[in-house]
Amino acid sequence: VQLQASGGGLVQAGDSLRLSCAVSGRTLRTIGVGWFRQAPGKEREFVAGFKRSGDSIKYADAVKGRFTISGDNAKNTVYLQMNSLKSEDTAVYYCAASGTLITSTIHTMGAYHYWGQGTEVTVSS
């Protein structure tokens, strides 16, 4: 499985941005996908994710109500729509996938076996 993240950039606080994660090697119907982020000097943290076929979507409390994760089965691509961005959303964002996700592990970094390269998001205040 290979994942290619894109869509990062420099935006102002309050703006929106959509990240994309193109998945190859497995279809979205057979894997779970998650987004994680790592801010400078901080540990990587969970942002949003779902089990295969978009089941059991979960969000980190910090992004709930502002971010939306979705999948396009035809394009085999997962999106992270980020609205009302804040300076604390500044980070490198990574997408990851796993063929064995269960509901209780969607937020767990160690449950993901495949990782894409990061895409950097910078939110200026």
Protein backbone atom coordinates (compact mmCIF):
# COMPACT_ATOMS: atom_id res chain seq x y z
CA VAL A 1 0.00 0.00 0.00
CA GLN A 2 1.27 3.44 -0.91
CA LEU A 3 -0.16 6.76 0.19
CA GLN A 4 0.52 10.17 -1.30
CA ALA A 5 -0.56 13.19 0.72
CA SER A 6 -0.94 16.62 -0.83
CA GLY A 7 -2.75 19.92 -0.44
CA GLY A 8 -0.81 21.60 2.32
CA GLY A 9 0.14 25.24 2.23
CA LEU A 10 0.27 28.58 3.98
CA VAL A 11 -3.09 30.05 4.97
CA GLN A 12 -4.42 32.63 7.39
CA ALA A 13 -6.40 31.90 10.52
CA GLY A 14 -10.04 31.32 9.66
CA ASP A 15 -9.28 30.02 6.17
CA SER A 16 -10.03 26.57 4.82
CA LEU A 17 -7.81 23.96 3.23
CA ARG A 18 -8.41 20.48 1.82
CA LEU A 19 -5.80 17.79 2.08
CA SER A 20 -5.84 14.74 -0.19
CA CYS A 21 -4.43 11.28 0.34
CA ALA A 22 -4.22 9.16 -2.80
CA VAL A 23 -4.15 5.46 -1.94
CA SER A 24 -2.76 2.74 -4.17
CA GLY A 25 -2.43 -1.00 -3.68
CA ARG A 26 -5.69 -1.48 -1.78
CA THR A 27 -9.17 -0.05 -2.19
CA LEU A 28 -10.83 2.10 0.45
CA ARG A 29 -13.37 -0.69 0.88
CA THR A 30 -10.65 -2.91 2.33
CA ILE A 31 -8.61 -0.57 4.51
CA GLY A 32 -9.05 2.03 7.18
CA VAL A 33 -7.41 5.42 6.74
CA GLY A 34 -6.43 8.08 9.21
CA TRP A 35 -4.90 11.51 9.33
CA PHE A 36 -2.27 12.42 11.91
CA ARG A 37 -0.28 15.59 12.44
CA GLN A 38 2.96 16.60 14.06
CA ALA A 39 3.62 20.15 15.14
CA PRO A 40 7.18 21.40 15.66
CA GLY A 41 8.58 20.05 18.90
CA LYS A 42 5.53 17.92 19.59
CA GLU A 43 4.58 14.30 19.22
CA ARG A 44 2.53 13.05 16.31
CA GLU A 45 -1.17 13.04 17.16
CA PHE A 46 -4.37 11.65 15.74
CA VAL A 47 -6.63 13.99 13.79
CA ALA A 48 -9.34 11.93 12.10
CA GLY A 49 -9.90 8.45 10.70
CA PHE A 50 -12.33 5.76 9.70
CA LYS A 51 -12.53 2.04 9.28
CA ARG A 52 -12.88 0.60 5.79
CA SER A 53 -15.63 1.96 3.61
CA GLY A 54 -15.94 5.05 5.78
CA ASP A 55 -17.36 3.24 8.75
CA SER A 56 -16.95 4.49 12.34
CA ILE A 57 -15.52 7.95 11.71
CA LYS A 58 -13.61 9.47 14.62
CA TYR A 59 -12.16 12.92 15.23
CA ALA A 60 -9.79 14.35 17.77
CA ASP A 61 -11.55 16.73 20.12
CA ALA A 62 -9.33 19.60 18.93
CA VAL A 63 -10.72 19.40 15.39
CA LYS A 64 -14.26 18.16 15.95
CA GLY A 65 -16.76 20.43 14.21
CA ARG A 66 -14.07 22.04 12.03
CA PHE A 67 -12.50 19.15 10.12
CA THR A 68 -14.23 16.54 8.00
CA ILE A 69 -12.71 13.32 6.71
CA SER A 70 -14.22 11.67 3.65
CA GLY A 71 -13.38 9.12 1.02
CA ASP A 72 -13.95 8.89 -2.72
CA ASN A 73 -14.05 5.22 -3.65
CA ALA A 74 -13.90 5.98 -7.37
CA LYS A 75 -10.68 7.92 -6.96
CA ASN A 76 -9.42 5.81 -4.06
CA THR A 77 -8.61 9.05 -2.31
CA VAL A 78 -9.27 10.28 1.20
CA TYR A 79 -9.79 13.94 1.94
CA LEU A 80 -9.44 16.06 5.05
CA GLN A 81 -11.48 19.24 4.75
CA MET A 82 -10.18 21.73 7.29
CA ASN A 83 -12.29 24.79 8.06
CA SER A 84 -11.86 27.65 10.53
CA LEU A 85 -8.15 26.95 10.74
CA LYS A 86 -6.26 28.13 13.80
CA SER A 87 -2.58 28.77 14.37
CA GLU A 88 -2.46 25.66 16.55
CA ASP A 89 -3.38 23.58 13.49
CA THR A 90 0.06 24.32 12.07
CA ALA A 91 1.78 20.97 11.58
CA VAL A 92 2.94 18.40 9.09
CA TYR A 93 -0.07 16.23 8.25
CA TYR A 94 0.33 12.54 7.47
CA CYS A 95 -2.15 10.03 6.13
CA ALA A 96 -1.90 6.42 7.16
CA ALA A 97 -3.70 3.16 6.41
CA SER A 98 -4.33 -0.19 7.99
CA GLY A 99 -6.09 -3.35 6.94
CA THR A 100 -6.87 -4.32 10.53
CA LEU A 101 -8.40 -1.24 12.09
CA ILE A 102 -11.17 -1.74 14.58
CA THR A 103 -13.27 1.01 16.11
CA SER A 104 -11.22 1.16 19.29
CA THR A 105 -7.92 1.60 17.44
CA ILE A 106 -8.82 4.24 14.85
CA HIS A 107 -7.04 6.89 16.92
CA THR A 108 -4.00 4.72 17.69
CA MET A 109 -0.86 5.48 15.70
CA GLY A 110 0.54 1.99 16.22
CA ALA A 111 -2.50 0.43 14.55
CA TYR A 112 -1.51 1.86 11.17
CA HIS A 113 0.90 -0.12 8.98
CA TYR A 114 1.32 2.19 6.02
CA TRP A 115 2.28 5.85 6.06
CA GLY A 116 2.53 8.52 3.42
CA GLN A 117 4.93 11.40 3.37
CA GLY A 118 3.72 14.48 5.16
CA THR A 119 2.22 17.64 3.75
CA GLU A 120 2.90 20.85 5.63
CA VAL A 121 0.15 23.16 6.79
CA THR A 122 1.03 26.57 8.19
CA VAL A 123 -1.67 28.80 9.62
CA SER A 124 -0.67 32.39 10.26
CA SER A 125 -2.53 34.39 12.87
